[in-house]
Amino acid sequence: MDNEIKKYLFDIQESIDSIQKYLGDQRDFKVYLASKMLRRAVEREFEIIGEAMSRIEKLDPTIEISAKRQIISMRNRVIHSYDKIDNEIVWGTIVRHLPTLKIEIDKLLK
């Protein structure tokens, strides 16, 4: 794997770690909804994840990440449809899909 792809994988790993830190151990959807700053910070990390994934896809489409297309699509929605972001979908992604992505990225970086 080339160094440019590793850099993008590292960026994804950092963004996932940042989201986890922002939310803390007591992940609470009501707290998330109540804090515009928290929501924007998480959305920005999803933008970074999606952009890095898009660049990886262009460099080497054979790299296996289970939800690659959905991640790129989410980035596009966050950036281009900022006024229609569904907080429940973002939260569901955090809870259901981010842990799997973290495992996949960690494995690729080893």
PDB file of N, CA and C in Angstrom:
ATOM      1  N   MET A   1       0.847  -1.181   0.000  1.00  0.00           N
ATOM      2  CA  MET A   1       0.000   0.000   0.000  1.00  0.00           C
ATOM      3  C   MET A   1       0.891   1.242   0.000  1.00  0.00           C
ATOM      4  N   ASP A   2       0.552   2.191  -0.845  1.00  0.00           N
ATOM      5  CA  ASP A   2       1.424   3.359  -0.949  1.00  0.00           C
ATOM      6  C   ASP A   2       1.183   4.357   0.186  1.00  0.00           C
ATOM      7  N   ASN A   3       2.149   5.231   0.381  1.00  0.00           N
ATOM      8  CA  ASN A   3       2.125   6.151   1.520  1.00  0.00           C
ATOM      9  C   ASN A   3       0.975   7.146   1.465  1.00  0.00           C
ATOM     10  N   GLU A   4       0.572   7.529   0.269  1.00  0.00           N
ATOM     11  CA  GLU A   4      -0.543   8.473   0.144  1.00  0.00           C
ATOM     12  C   GLU A   4      -1.835   7.840   0.666  1.00  0.00           C
ATOM     13  N   ILE A   5      -2.061   6.596   0.329  1.00  0.00           N
ATOM     14  CA  ILE A   5      -3.250   5.897   0.826  1.00  0.00           C
ATOM     15  C   ILE A   5      -3.172   5.742   2.343  1.00  0.00           C
ATOM     16  N   LYS A   6      -2.004   5.408   2.857  1.00  0.00           N
ATOM     17  CA  LYS A   6      -1.837   5.300   4.315  1.00  0.00           C
ATOM     18  C   LYS A   6      -2.153   6.617   4.999  1.00  0.00           C
ATOM     19  N   LYS A   7      -1.755   7.726   4.386  1.00  0.00           N
ATOM     20  CA  LYS A   7      -2.042   9.047   4.962  1.00  0.00           C
ATOM     21  C   LYS A   7      -3.552   9.267   5.048  1.00  0.00           C
ATOM     22  N   TYR A   8      -4.278   8.909   3.989  1.00  0.00           N
ATOM     23  CA  TYR A   8      -5.736   9.079   3.996  1.00  0.00           C
ATOM     24  C   TYR A   8      -6.392   8.148   5.019  1.00  0.00           C
ATOM     25  N   LEU A   9      -5.879   6.928   5.131  1.00  0.00           N
ATOM     26  CA  LEU A   9      -6.403   6.009   6.150  1.00  0.00           C
ATOM     27  C   LEU A   9      -6.154   6.569   7.542  1.00  0.00           C
ATOM     28  N   PHE A  10      -4.994   7.148   7.750  1.00  0.00           N
ATOM     29  CA  PHE A  10      -4.683   7.766   9.037  1.00  0.00           C
ATOM     30  C   PHE A  10      -5.620   8.939   9.308  1.00  0.00           C
ATOM     31  N   ASP A  11      -5.918   9.738   8.284  1.00  0.00           N
ATOM     32  CA  ASP A  11      -6.861  10.852   8.446  1.00  0.00           C
ATOM     33  C   ASP A  11      -8.237  10.346   8.881  1.00  0.00           C
ATOM     34  N   ILE A  12      -8.675   9.248   8.277  1.00  0.00           N
ATOM     35  CA  ILE A  12      -9.959   8.653   8.653  1.00  0.00           C
ATOM     36  C   ILE A  12      -9.904   8.183  10.102  1.00  0.00           C
ATOM     37  N   GLN A  13      -8.835   7.503  10.449  1.00  0.00           N
ATOM     38  CA  GLN A  13      -8.671   7.017  11.819  1.00  0.00           C
ATOM     39  C   GLN A  13      -8.711   8.174  12.821  1.00  0.00           C
ATOM     40  N   GLU A  14      -8.026   9.260  12.515  1.00  0.00           N
ATOM     41  CA  GLU A  14      -8.024  10.432  13.394  1.00  0.00           C
ATOM     42  C   GLU A  14      -9.417  11.040  13.538  1.00  0.00           C
ATOM     43  N   SER A  15     -10.155  11.111  12.437  1.00  0.00           N
ATOM     44  CA  SER A  15     -11.506  11.679  12.489  1.00  0.00           C
ATOM     45  C   SER A  15     -12.454  10.808  13.302  1.00  0.00           C
ATOM     46  N   ILE A  16     -12.324   9.496  13.166  1.00  0.00           N
ATOM     47  CA  ILE A  16     -13.151   8.594  13.974  1.00  0.00           C
ATOM     48  C   ILE A  16     -12.822   8.793  15.448  1.00  0.00           C
ATOM     49  N   ASP A  17     -11.539   8.851  15.773  1.00  0.00           N
ATOM     50  CA  ASP A  17     -11.127   9.071  17.166  1.00  0.00           C
ATOM     51  C   ASP A  17     -11.646  10.414  17.682  1.00  0.00           C
ATOM     52  N   SER A  18     -11.620  11.427  16.850  1.00  0.00           N
ATOM     53  CA  SER A  18     -12.119  12.744  17.254  1.00  0.00           C
ATOM     54  C   SER A  18     -13.610  12.700  17.556  1.00  0.00           C
ATOM     55  N   ILE A  19     -14.375  12.044  16.694  1.00  0.00           N
ATOM     56  CA  ILE A  19     -15.818  11.927  16.938  1.00  0.00           C
ATOM     57  C   ILE A  19     -16.057  11.244  18.276  1.00  0.00           C
ATOM     58  N   GLN A  20     -15.327  10.170  18.535  1.00  0.00           N
ATOM     59  CA  GLN A  20     -15.494   9.454  19.803  1.00  0.00           C
ATOM     60  C   GLN A  20     -15.147  10.347  20.990  1.00  0.00           C
ATOM     61  N   LYS A  21     -14.098  11.143  20.860  1.00  0.00           N
ATOM     62  CA  LYS A  21     -13.720  12.063  21.941  1.00  0.00           C
ATOM     63  C   LYS A  21     -14.767  13.150  22.139  1.00  0.00           C
ATOM     64  N   TYR A  22     -15.277  13.692  21.048  1.00  0.00           N
ATOM     65  CA  TYR A  22     -16.299  14.744  21.149  1.00  0.00           C
ATOM     66  C   TYR A  22     -17.524  14.247  21.910  1.00  0.00           C
ATOM     67  N   LEU A  23     -17.904  13.010  21.652  1.00  0.00           N
ATOM     68  CA  LEU A  23     -19.126  12.466  22.251  1.00  0.00           C
ATOM     69  C   LEU A  23     -18.905  11.948  23.661  1.00  0.00           C
ATOM     70  N   GLY A  24     -17.685  11.573  23.994  1.00  0.00           N
ATOM     71  CA  GLY A  24     -17.382  11.055  25.320  1.00  0.00           C
ATOM     72  C   GLY A  24     -17.980   9.681  25.538  1.00  0.00           C
ATOM     73  N   ASP A  25     -17.824   9.203  26.764  1.00  0.00           N
ATOM     74  CA  ASP A  25     -18.323   7.866  27.106  1.00  0.00           C
ATOM     75  C   ASP A  25     -19.836   7.816  27.210  1.00  0.00           C
ATOM     76  N   GLN A  26     -20.434   8.919  27.568  1.00  0.00           N
ATOM     77  CA  GLN A  26     -21.881   8.963  27.773  1.00  0.00           C
ATOM     78  C   GLN A  26     -22.561   9.488  26.508  1.00  0.00           C
ATOM     79  N   ARG A  27     -22.560   8.670  25.494  1.00  0.00           N
ATOM     80  CA  ARG A  27     -23.164   9.100  24.241  1.00  0.00           C
ATOM     81  C   ARG A  27     -24.660   9.282  24.436  1.00  0.00           C
ATOM     82  N   ASP A  28     -25.088  10.500  24.207  1.00  0.00           N
ATOM     83  CA  ASP A  28     -26.480  10.839  24.451  1.00  0.00           C
ATOM     84  C   ASP A  28     -26.994  11.670  23.273  1.00  0.00           C
ATOM     85  N   PHE A  29     -27.978  11.132  22.590  1.00  0.00           N
ATOM     86  CA  PHE A  29     -28.529  11.802  21.421  1.00  0.00           C
ATOM     87  C   PHE A  29     -29.103  13.171  21.781  1.00  0.00           C
ATOM     88  N   LYS A  30     -29.704  13.299  22.943  1.00  0.00           N
ATOM     89  CA  LYS A  30     -30.282  14.590  23.352  1.00  0.00           C
ATOM     90  C   LYS A  30     -29.197  15.645  23.539  1.00  0.00           C
ATOM     91  N   VAL A  31     -28.070  15.243  24.080  1.00  0.00           N
ATOM     92  CA  VAL A  31     -26.934  16.165  24.240  1.00  0.00           C
ATOM     93  C   VAL A  31     -26.420  16.571  22.863  1.00  0.00           C
ATOM     94  N   TYR A  32     -26.332  15.590  21.973  1.00  0.00           N
ATOM     95  CA  TYR A  32     -25.896  15.856  20.600  1.00  0.00           C
ATOM     96  C   TYR A  32     -26.820  16.869  19.925  1.00  0.00           C
ATOM     97  N   LEU A  33     -28.116  16.657  20.042  1.00  0.00           N
ATOM     98  CA  LEU A  33     -29.082  17.572  19.425  1.00  0.00           C
ATOM     99  C   LEU A  33     -29.017  18.972  20.006  1.00  0.00           C
ATOM    100  N   ALA A  34     -28.756  19.057  21.293  1.00  0.00           N
ATOM    101  CA  ALA A  34     -28.773  20.350  21.989  1.00  0.00           C
ATOM    102  C   ALA A  34     -27.548  21.208  21.684  1.00  0.00           C
ATOM    103  N   SER A  35     -26.501  20.617  21.141  1.00  0.00           N
ATOM    104  CA  SER A  35     -25.254  21.358  20.934  1.00  0.00           C
ATOM    105  C   SER A  35     -24.947  21.520  19.443  1.00  0.00           C
ATOM    106  N   LYS A  36     -25.204  22.705  18.945  1.00  0.00           N
ATOM    107  CA  LYS A  36     -24.904  22.988  17.540  1.00  0.00           C
ATOM    108  C   LYS A  36     -23.409  22.829  17.274  1.00  0.00           C
ATOM    109  N   MET A  37     -22.581  23.269  18.215  1.00  0.00           N
ATOM    110  CA  MET A  37     -21.139  23.163  18.033  1.00  0.00           C
ATOM    111  C   MET A  37     -20.708  21.699  17.925  1.00  0.00           C
ATOM    112  N   LEU A  38     -21.272  20.834  18.747  1.00  0.00           N
ATOM    113  CA  LEU A  38     -20.954  19.405  18.696  1.00  0.00           C
ATOM    114  C   LEU A  38     -21.404  18.806  17.368  1.00  0.00           C
ATOM    115  N   ARG A  39     -22.621  19.137  16.944  1.00  0.00           N
ATOM    116  CA  ARG A  39     -23.119  18.613  15.668  1.00  0.00           C
ATOM    117  C   ARG A  39     -22.222  19.049  14.512  1.00  0.00           C
ATOM    118  N   ARG A  40     -21.835  20.307  14.489  1.00  0.00           N
ATOM    119  CA  ARG A  40     -20.985  20.814  13.409  1.00  0.00           C
ATOM    120  C   ARG A  40     -19.601  20.163  13.436  1.00  0.00           C
ATOM    121  N   ALA A  41     -19.072  19.935  14.622  1.00  0.00           N
ATOM    122  CA  ALA A  41     -17.764  19.288  14.744  1.00  0.00           C
ATOM    123  C   ALA A  41     -17.830  17.859  14.190  1.00  0.00           C
ATOM    124  N   VAL A  42     -18.880  17.138  14.545  1.00  0.00           N
ATOM    125  CA  VAL A  42     -19.043  15.765  14.052  1.00  0.00           C
ATOM    126  C   VAL A  42     -19.248  15.767  12.535  1.00  0.00           C
ATOM    127  N   GLU A  43     -20.049  16.690  12.045  1.00  0.00           N
ATOM    128  CA  GLU A  43     -20.279  16.782  10.599  1.00  0.00           C
ATOM    129  C   GLU A  43     -18.970  17.054   9.866  1.00  0.00           C
ATOM    130  N   ARG A  44     -18.130  17.917  10.414  1.00  0.00           N
ATOM    131  CA  ARG A  44     -16.838  18.216   9.790  1.00  0.00           C
ATOM    132  C   ARG A  44     -15.967  16.963   9.728  1.00  0.00           C
ATOM    133  N   GLU A  45     -15.971  16.175  10.788  1.00  0.00           N
ATOM    134  CA  GLU A  45     -15.185  14.934  10.779  1.00  0.00           C
ATOM    135  C   GLU A  45     -15.717  13.961   9.725  1.00  0.00           C
ATOM    136  N   PHE A  46     -17.043  13.929   9.540  1.00  0.00           N
ATOM    137  CA  PHE A  46     -17.605  13.080   8.483  1.00  0.00           C
ATOM    138  C   PHE A  46     -17.208  13.588   7.099  1.00  0.00           C
ATOM    139  N   GLU A  47     -17.084  14.901   6.946  1.00  0.00           N
ATOM    140  CA  GLU A  47     -16.602  15.452   5.678  1.00  0.00           C
ATOM    141  C   GLU A  47     -15.182  14.962   5.392  1.00  0.00           C
ATOM    142  N   ILE A  48     -14.331  14.998   6.409  1.00  0.00           N
ATOM    143  CA  ILE A  48     -12.943  14.558   6.258  1.00  0.00           C
ATOM    144  C   ILE A  48     -12.901  13.067   5.925  1.00  0.00           C
ATOM    145  N   ILE A  49     -13.674  12.282   6.658  1.00  0.00           N
ATOM    146  CA  ILE A  49     -13.722  10.835   6.401  1.00  0.00           C
ATOM    147  C   ILE A  49     -14.152  10.566   4.959  1.00  0.00           C
ATOM    148  N   GLY A  50     -15.197  11.218   4.518  1.00  0.00           N
ATOM    149  CA  GLY A  50     -15.708  11.001   3.166  1.00  0.00           C
ATOM    150  C   GLY A  50     -14.753  11.462   2.085  1.00  0.00           C
ATOM    151  N   GLU A  51     -14.099  12.589   2.307  1.00  0.00           N
ATOM    152  CA  GLU A  51     -13.139  13.088   1.315  1.00  0.00           C
ATOM    153  C   GLU A  51     -11.933  12.164   1.227  1.00  0.00           C
ATOM    154  N   ALA A  52     -11.428  11.731   2.368  1.00  0.00           N
ATOM    155  CA  ALA A  52     -10.291  10.798   2.370  1.00  0.00           C
ATOM    156  C   ALA A  52     -10.681   9.490   1.680  1.00  0.00           C
ATOM    157  N   MET A  53     -11.902   9.017   1.940  1.00  0.00           N
ATOM    158  CA  MET A  53     -12.371   7.785   1.314  1.00  0.00           C
ATOM    159  C   MET A  53     -12.473   7.954  -0.203  1.00  0.00           C
ATOM    160  N   SER A  54     -12.940   9.102  -0.647  1.00  0.00           N
ATOM    161  CA  SER A  54     -13.050   9.381  -2.072  1.00  0.00           C
ATOM    162  C   SER A  54     -11.670   9.366  -2.727  1.00  0.00           C
ATOM    163  N   ARG A  55     -10.693   9.923  -2.071  1.00  0.00           N
ATOM    164  CA  ARG A  55      -9.333   9.940  -2.620  1.00  0.00           C
ATOM    165  C   ARG A  55      -8.728   8.535  -2.655  1.00  0.00           C
ATOM    166  N   ILE A  56      -9.002   7.763  -1.622  1.00  0.00           N
ATOM    167  CA  ILE A  56      -8.533   6.364  -1.609  1.00  0.00           C
ATOM    168  C   ILE A  56      -9.153   5.601  -2.778  1.00  0.00           C
ATOM    169  N   GLU A  57     -10.436   5.794  -2.977  1.00  0.00           N
ATOM    170  CA  GLU A  57     -11.159   5.110  -4.059  1.00  0.00           C
ATOM    171  C   GLU A  57     -10.549   5.437  -5.424  1.00  0.00           C
ATOM    172  N   LYS A  58     -10.145   6.689  -5.607  1.00  0.00           N
ATOM    173  CA  LYS A  58      -9.540   7.092  -6.880  1.00  0.00           C
ATOM    174  C   LYS A  58      -8.147   6.495  -7.059  1.00  0.00           C
ATOM    175  N   LEU A  59      -7.401   6.390  -5.975  1.00  0.00           N
ATOM    176  CA  LEU A  59      -6.037   5.855  -6.050  1.00  0.00           C
ATOM    177  C   LEU A  59      -6.002   4.335  -6.185  1.00  0.00           C
ATOM    178  N   ASP A  60      -6.908   3.673  -5.443  1.00  0.00           N
ATOM    179  CA  ASP A  60      -6.912   2.200  -5.469  1.00  0.00           C
ATOM    180  C   ASP A  60      -8.307   1.683  -5.134  1.00  0.00           C
ATOM    181  N   PRO A  61      -9.149   1.504  -6.147  1.00  0.00           N
ATOM    182  CA  PRO A  61     -10.519   1.041  -5.911  1.00  0.00           C
ATOM    183  C   PRO A  61     -10.616  -0.379  -5.363  1.00  0.00           C
ATOM    184  N   THR A  62      -9.501  -1.110  -5.329  1.00  0.00           N
ATOM    185  CA  THR A  62      -9.538  -2.490  -4.824  1.00  0.00           C
ATOM    186  C   THR A  62      -9.449  -2.575  -3.302  1.00  0.00           C
ATOM    187  N   ILE A  63      -9.135  -1.463  -2.648  1.00  0.00           N
ATOM    188  CA  ILE A  63      -9.060  -1.488  -1.181  1.00  0.00           C
ATOM    189  C   ILE A  63     -10.458  -1.757  -0.650  1.00  0.00           C
ATOM    190  N   GLU A  64     -10.550  -2.781   0.201  1.00  0.00           N
ATOM    191  CA  GLU A  64     -11.851  -3.214   0.685  1.00  0.00           C
ATOM    192  C   GLU A  64     -12.231  -2.526   1.988  1.00  0.00           C
ATOM    193  N   ILE A  65     -13.242  -1.692   1.872  1.00  0.00           N
ATOM    194  CA  ILE A  65     -13.880  -1.062   3.016  1.00  0.00           C
ATOM    195  C   ILE A  65     -15.370  -1.230   2.763  1.00  0.00           C
ATOM    196  N   SER A  66     -16.063  -1.840   3.707  1.00  0.00           N
ATOM    197  CA  SER A  66     -17.422  -2.327   3.453  1.00  0.00           C
ATOM    198  C   SER A  66     -18.419  -1.258   3.015  1.00  0.00           C
ATOM    199  N   ALA A  67     -18.349  -0.070   3.539  1.00  0.00           N
ATOM    200  CA  ALA A  67     -19.361   0.943   3.224  1.00  0.00           C
ATOM    201  C   ALA A  67     -18.765   2.131   2.472  1.00  0.00           C
ATOM    202  N   LYS A  68     -17.801   1.858   1.628  1.00  0.00           N
ATOM    203  CA  LYS A  68     -17.055   2.920   0.936  1.00  0.00           C
ATOM    204  C   LYS A  68     -17.980   3.899   0.202  1.00  0.00           C
ATOM    205  N   ARG A  69     -18.863   3.394  -0.602  1.00  0.00           N
ATOM    206  CA  ARG A  69     -19.758   4.273  -1.385  1.00  0.00           C
ATOM    207  C   ARG A  69     -20.695   5.072  -0.482  1.00  0.00           C
ATOM    208  N   GLN A  70     -21.219   4.451   0.567  1.00  0.00           N
ATOM    209  CA  GLN A  70     -22.121   5.150   1.476  1.00  0.00           C
ATOM    210  C   GLN A  70     -21.393   6.267   2.227  1.00  0.00           C
ATOM    211  N   ILE A  71     -20.132   6.029   2.567  1.00  0.00           N
ATOM    212  CA  ILE A  71     -19.338   7.032   3.269  1.00  0.00           C
ATOM    213  C   ILE A  71     -19.126   8.251   2.368  1.00  0.00           C
ATOM    214  N   ILE A  72     -18.789   7.996   1.126  1.00  0.00           N
ATOM    215  CA  ILE A  72     -18.587   9.093   0.173  1.00  0.00           C
ATOM    216  C   ILE A  72     -19.903   9.840  -0.054  1.00  0.00           C
ATOM    217  N   SER A  73     -21.001   9.116  -0.154  1.00  0.00           N
ATOM    218  CA  SER A  73     -22.318   9.741  -0.339  1.00  0.00           C
ATOM    219  C   SER A  73     -22.699  10.600   0.859  1.00  0.00           C
ATOM    220  N   MET A  74     -22.383  10.121   2.052  1.00  0.00           N
ATOM    221  CA  MET A  74     -22.711  10.894   3.250  1.00  0.00           C
ATOM    222  C   MET A  74     -21.934  12.204   3.245  1.00  0.00           C
ATOM    223  N   ARG A  75     -20.666  12.152   2.867  1.00  0.00           N
ATOM    224  CA  ARG A  75     -19.856  13.368   2.785  1.00  0.00           C
ATOM    225  C   ARG A  75     -20.501  14.370   1.837  1.00  0.00           C
ATOM    226  N   ASN A  76     -20.949  13.886   0.692  1.00  0.00           N
ATOM    227  CA  ASN A  76     -21.575  14.770  -0.287  1.00  0.00           C
ATOM    228  C   ASN A  76     -22.859  15.393   0.249  1.00  0.00           C
ATOM    229  N   ARG A  77     -23.637  14.607   0.974  1.00  0.00           N
ATOM    230  CA  ARG A  77     -24.871  15.147   1.562  1.00  0.00           C
ATOM    231  C   ARG A  77     -24.563  16.203   2.617  1.00  0.00           C
ATOM    232  N   VAL A  78     -23.568  15.941   3.460  1.00  0.00           N
ATOM    233  CA  VAL A  78     -23.219  16.888   4.525  1.00  0.00           C
ATOM    234  C   VAL A  78     -22.745  18.211   3.919  1.00  0.00           C
ATOM    235  N   ILE A  79     -21.947  18.128   2.869  1.00  0.00           N
ATOM    236  CA  ILE A  79     -21.398  19.348   2.268  1.00  0.00           C
ATOM    237  C   ILE A  79     -22.426  20.076   1.403  1.00  0.00           C
ATOM    238  N   HIS A  80     -23.117  19.353   0.547  1.00  0.00           N
ATOM    239  CA  HIS A  80     -23.969  20.005  -0.439  1.00  0.00           C
ATOM    240  C   HIS A  80     -25.414  20.194   0.001  1.00  0.00           C
ATOM    241  N   SER A  81     -25.834  19.458   1.009  1.00  0.00           N
ATOM    242  CA  SER A  81     -27.211  19.596   1.506  1.00  0.00           C
ATOM    243  C   SER A  81     -27.201  19.897   2.993  1.00  0.00           C
ATOM    244  N   TYR A  82     -26.315  20.801   3.375  1.00  0.00           N
ATOM    245  CA  TYR A  82     -26.144  21.127   4.794  1.00  0.00           C
ATOM    246  C   TYR A  82     -27.451  21.527   5.475  1.00  0.00           C
ATOM    247  N   ASP A  83     -28.366  22.081   4.713  1.00  0.00           N
ATOM    248  CA  ASP A  83     -29.633  22.535   5.290  1.00  0.00           C
ATOM    249  C   ASP A  83     -30.648  21.405   5.455  1.00  0.00           C
ATOM    250  N   LYS A  84     -30.284  20.206   4.998  1.00  0.00           N
ATOM    251  CA  LYS A  84     -31.212  19.070   5.088  1.00  0.00           C
ATOM    252  C   LYS A  84     -30.588  17.887   5.817  1.00  0.00           C
ATOM    253  N   ILE A  85     -29.605  18.161   6.657  1.00  0.00           N
ATOM    254  CA  ILE A  85     -28.945  17.081   7.387  1.00  0.00           C
ATOM    255  C   ILE A  85     -29.925  16.508   8.403  1.00  0.00           C
ATOM    256  N   ASP A  86     -30.069  15.207   8.382  1.00  0.00           N
ATOM    257  CA  ASP A  86     -30.936  14.508   9.319  1.00  0.00           C
ATOM    258  C   ASP A  86     -30.076  14.031  10.491  1.00  0.00           C
ATOM    259  N   ASN A  87     -30.273  14.654  11.650  1.00  0.00           N
ATOM    260  CA  ASN A  87     -29.452  14.334  12.818  1.00  0.00           C
ATOM    261  C   ASN A  87     -29.614  12.882  13.261  1.00  0.00           C
ATOM    262  N   GLU A  88     -30.774  12.308  13.033  1.00  0.00           N
ATOM    263  CA  GLU A  88     -30.980  10.906  13.402  1.00  0.00           C
ATOM    264  C   GLU A  88     -30.145   9.980  12.520  1.00  0.00           C
ATOM    265  N   ILE A  89     -30.005  10.327  11.248  1.00  0.00           N
ATOM    266  CA  ILE A  89     -29.175   9.514  10.349  1.00  0.00           C
ATOM    267  C   ILE A  89     -27.705   9.634  10.745  1.00  0.00           C
ATOM    268  N   VAL A  90     -27.266  10.849  11.052  1.00  0.00           N
ATOM    269  CA  VAL A  90     -25.883  11.034  11.502  1.00  0.00           C
ATOM    270  C   VAL A  90     -25.641  10.233  12.772  1.00  0.00           C
ATOM    271  N   TRP A  91     -26.568  10.324  13.713  1.00  0.00           N
ATOM    272  CA  TRP A  91     -26.417   9.597  14.973  1.00  0.00           C
ATOM    273  C   TRP A  91     -26.402   8.083  14.732  1.00  0.00           C
ATOM    274  N   GLY A  92     -27.294   7.613  13.885  1.00  0.00           N
ATOM    275  CA  GLY A  92     -27.326   6.184  13.561  1.00  0.00           C
ATOM    276  C   GLY A  92     -26.021   5.722  12.938  1.00  0.00           C
ATOM    277  N   THR A  93     -25.430   6.565  12.116  1.00  0.00           N
ATOM    278  CA  THR A  93     -24.140   6.240  11.511  1.00  0.00           C
ATOM    279  C   THR A  93     -23.060   6.142  12.581  1.00  0.00           C
ATOM    280  N   ILE A  94     -23.088   7.056  13.521  1.00  0.00           N
ATOM    281  CA  ILE A  94     -22.113   7.039  14.625  1.00  0.00           C
ATOM    282  C   ILE A  94     -22.239   5.743  15.419  1.00  0.00           C
ATOM    283  N   VAL A  95     -23.445   5.392  15.748  1.00  0.00           N
ATOM    284  CA  VAL A  95     -23.683   4.233  16.620  1.00  0.00           C
ATOM    285  C   VAL A  95     -23.493   2.904  15.891  1.00  0.00           C
ATOM    286  N   ARG A  96     -24.024   2.799  14.668  1.00  0.00           N
ATOM    287  CA  ARG A  96     -24.028   1.512  13.980  1.00  0.00           C
ATOM    288  C   ARG A  96     -22.828   1.266  13.070  1.00  0.00           C
ATOM    289  N   HIS A  97     -22.351   2.303  12.408  1.00  0.00           N
ATOM    290  CA  HIS A  97     -21.370   2.084  11.348  1.00  0.00           C
ATOM    291  C   HIS A  97     -19.947   2.527  11.678  1.00  0.00           C
ATOM    292  N   LEU A  98     -19.801   3.521  12.535  1.00  0.00           N
ATOM    293  CA  LEU A  98     -18.456   3.999  12.857  1.00  0.00           C
ATOM    294  C   LEU A  98     -17.589   2.943  13.531  1.00  0.00           C
ATOM    295  N   PRO A  99     -18.134   2.128  14.447  1.00  0.00           N
ATOM    296  CA  PRO A  99     -17.292   1.084  15.054  1.00  0.00           C
ATOM    297  C   PRO A  99     -16.734   0.090  14.024  1.00  0.00           C
ATOM    298  N   THR A 100     -17.544  -0.291  13.045  1.00  0.00           N
ATOM    299  CA  THR A 100     -17.087  -1.206  11.996  1.00  0.00           C
ATOM    300  C   THR A 100     -16.015  -0.551  11.143  1.00  0.00           C
ATOM    301  N   LEU A 101     -16.236   0.708  10.783  1.00  0.00           N
ATOM    302  CA  LEU A 101     -15.251   1.421   9.983  1.00  0.00           C
ATOM    303  C   LEU A 101     -13.923   1.522  10.731  1.00  0.00           C
ATOM    304  N   LYS A 102     -13.984   1.797  12.017  1.00  0.00           N
ATOM    305  CA  LYS A 102     -12.764   1.898  12.820  1.00  0.00           C
ATOM    306  C   LYS A 102     -11.982   0.583  12.775  1.00  0.00           C
ATOM    307  N   ILE A 103     -12.667  -0.524  12.921  1.00  0.00           N
ATOM    308  CA  ILE A 103     -12.008  -1.839  12.883  1.00  0.00           C
ATOM    309  C   ILE A 103     -11.348  -2.052  11.521  1.00  0.00           C
ATOM    310  N   GLU A 104     -12.063  -1.744  10.451  1.00  0.00           N
ATOM    311  CA  GLU A 104     -11.519  -1.940   9.103  1.00  0.00           C
ATOM    312  C   GLU A 104     -10.293  -1.058   8.852  1.00  0.00           C
ATOM    313  N   ILE A 105     -10.367   0.184   9.266  1.00  0.00           N
ATOM    314  CA  ILE A 105      -9.250   1.105   9.056  1.00  0.00           C
ATOM    315  C   ILE A 105      -8.043   0.675   9.893  1.00  0.00           C
ATOM    316  N   ASP A 106      -8.291   0.310  11.136  1.00  0.00           N
ATOM    317  CA  ASP A 106      -7.184  -0.161  12.001  1.00  0.00           C
ATOM    318  C   ASP A 106      -6.479  -1.363  11.386  1.00  0.00           C
ATOM    319  N   LYS A 107      -7.251  -2.293  10.823  1.00  0.00           N
ATOM    320  CA  LYS A 107      -6.660  -3.485  10.184  1.00  0.00           C
ATOM    321  C   LYS A 107      -5.833  -3.092   8.957  1.00  0.00           C
ATOM    322  N   LEU A 108      -6.342  -2.162   8.163  1.00  0.00           N
ATOM    323  CA  LEU A 108      -5.607  -1.749   6.969  1.00  0.00           C
ATOM    324  C   LEU A 108      -4.304  -1.032   7.313  1.00  0.00           C
ATOM    325  N   LEU A 109      -4.291  -0.346   8.432  1.00  0.00           N
ATOM    326  CA  LEU A 109      -3.080   0.379   8.818  1.00  0.00           C
ATOM    327  C   LEU A 109      -2.025  -0.504   9.476  1.00  0.00           C
ATOM    328  N   LYS A 110      -2.396  -1.732   9.835  1.00  0.00           N
ATOM    329  CA  LYS A 110      -1.419  -2.639  10.460  1.00  0.00           C
ATOM    330  C   LYS A 110      -0.591  -3.359   9.430  1.00  0.00           C
TER     331      LYS A 110
END
